């Protein structure tokens, strides 16, 4: 059981490192698992629904 948890943690950490490196270098981030993608989209929609702006619009205008 602990081995499964450690393996899952290592895989998640590797995906996060890969995504960070992709963002730093300006290339597209590697695709997330369907669950991570769904969770991320749900969070983005919740955050964006507060003021009606997307993150890109907020950044361009200097607000948020």
Protein backbone atom coordinates (compact mmCIF):
# COMPACT_ATOMS: atom_id res chain seq x y z
CA UNK A 1 0.00 0.00 0.00
CA UNK A 2 2.74 2.47 0.90
CA UNK A 3 4.56 1.56 -2.33
CA UNK A 4 1.46 2.49 -4.36
CA UNK A 5 1.17 5.81 -2.57
CA UNK A 6 4.87 6.56 -3.05
CA UNK A 7 4.67 5.66 -6.74
CA UNK A 8 1.57 7.84 -7.23
CA UNK A 9 3.30 10.74 -5.44
CA UNK A 10 6.40 10.35 -7.61
CA UNK A 11 4.31 10.31 -10.80
CA UNK A 12 2.41 13.43 -9.71
CA UNK A 13 5.64 15.21 -8.79
CA UNK A 14 7.17 14.33 -12.16
CA UNK A 15 4.10 15.67 -14.01
CA UNK A 16 4.26 18.88 -11.99
CA UNK A 17 8.00 19.30 -12.69
CA UNK A 18 7.38 18.69 -16.39
CA UNK A 19 4.57 21.26 -16.41
CA UNK A 20 6.73 23.85 -14.62
CA UNK A 21 9.60 23.33 -17.05
CA UNK A 22 7.22 23.65 -19.99
CA UNK A 23 5.83 26.91 -18.63
CA UNK A 24 9.31 28.30 -18.02
CA UNK A 25 10.45 27.46 -21.54
CA UNK A 26 7.28 28.78 -23.19
CA UNK A 27 6.21 25.51 -24.76
CA UNK A 28 2.79 24.00 -24.12
CA UNK A 29 2.44 22.07 -20.90
CA UNK A 30 2.12 18.29 -21.14
CA UNK A 31 -1.48 17.09 -21.10
CA UNK A 32 -2.91 16.40 -17.68
CA UNK A 33 -4.87 13.32 -16.77
CA UNK A 34 -8.61 13.68 -17.47
CA UNK A 35 -9.32 14.05 -13.75
CA UNK A 36 -6.71 16.78 -13.26
CA UNK A 37 -7.98 18.59 -16.37
CA UNK A 38 -11.58 18.49 -15.14
CA UNK A 39 -10.60 19.66 -11.64
CA UNK A 40 -8.46 22.49 -13.05
CA UNK A 41 -11.22 23.66 -15.42
CA UNK A 42 -13.75 23.64 -12.58
CA UNK A 43 -11.44 25.78 -10.42
CA UNK A 44 -10.81 28.20 -13.29
CA UNK A 45 -14.53 28.59 -13.92
CA UNK A 46 -15.22 29.22 -10.22
CA UNK A 47 -12.46 31.82 -10.01
CA UNK A 48 -13.45 33.49 -13.27
CA UNK A 49 -17.15 33.63 -12.43
CA UNK A 50 -16.52 36.01 -9.53
CA UNK A 51 -15.83 39.06 -11.70
CA UNK A 52 -16.63 37.83 -15.19
CA UNK A 53 -13.03 38.17 -16.40
CA UNK A 54 -10.77 35.45 -17.64
CA UNK A 55 -7.28 35.22 -16.20
CA UNK A 56 -5.84 36.53 -19.47
CA UNK A 57 -8.12 39.57 -19.44
CA UNK A 58 -7.25 40.35 -15.85
CA UNK A 59 -3.54 40.10 -16.59
CA UNK A 60 -3.77 42.34 -19.66
CA UNK A 61 -5.62 45.02 -17.73
CA UNK A 62 -3.34 44.77 -14.70
CA UNK A 63 -6.22 43.94 -12.41
CA UNK A 64 -7.73 40.79 -11.18
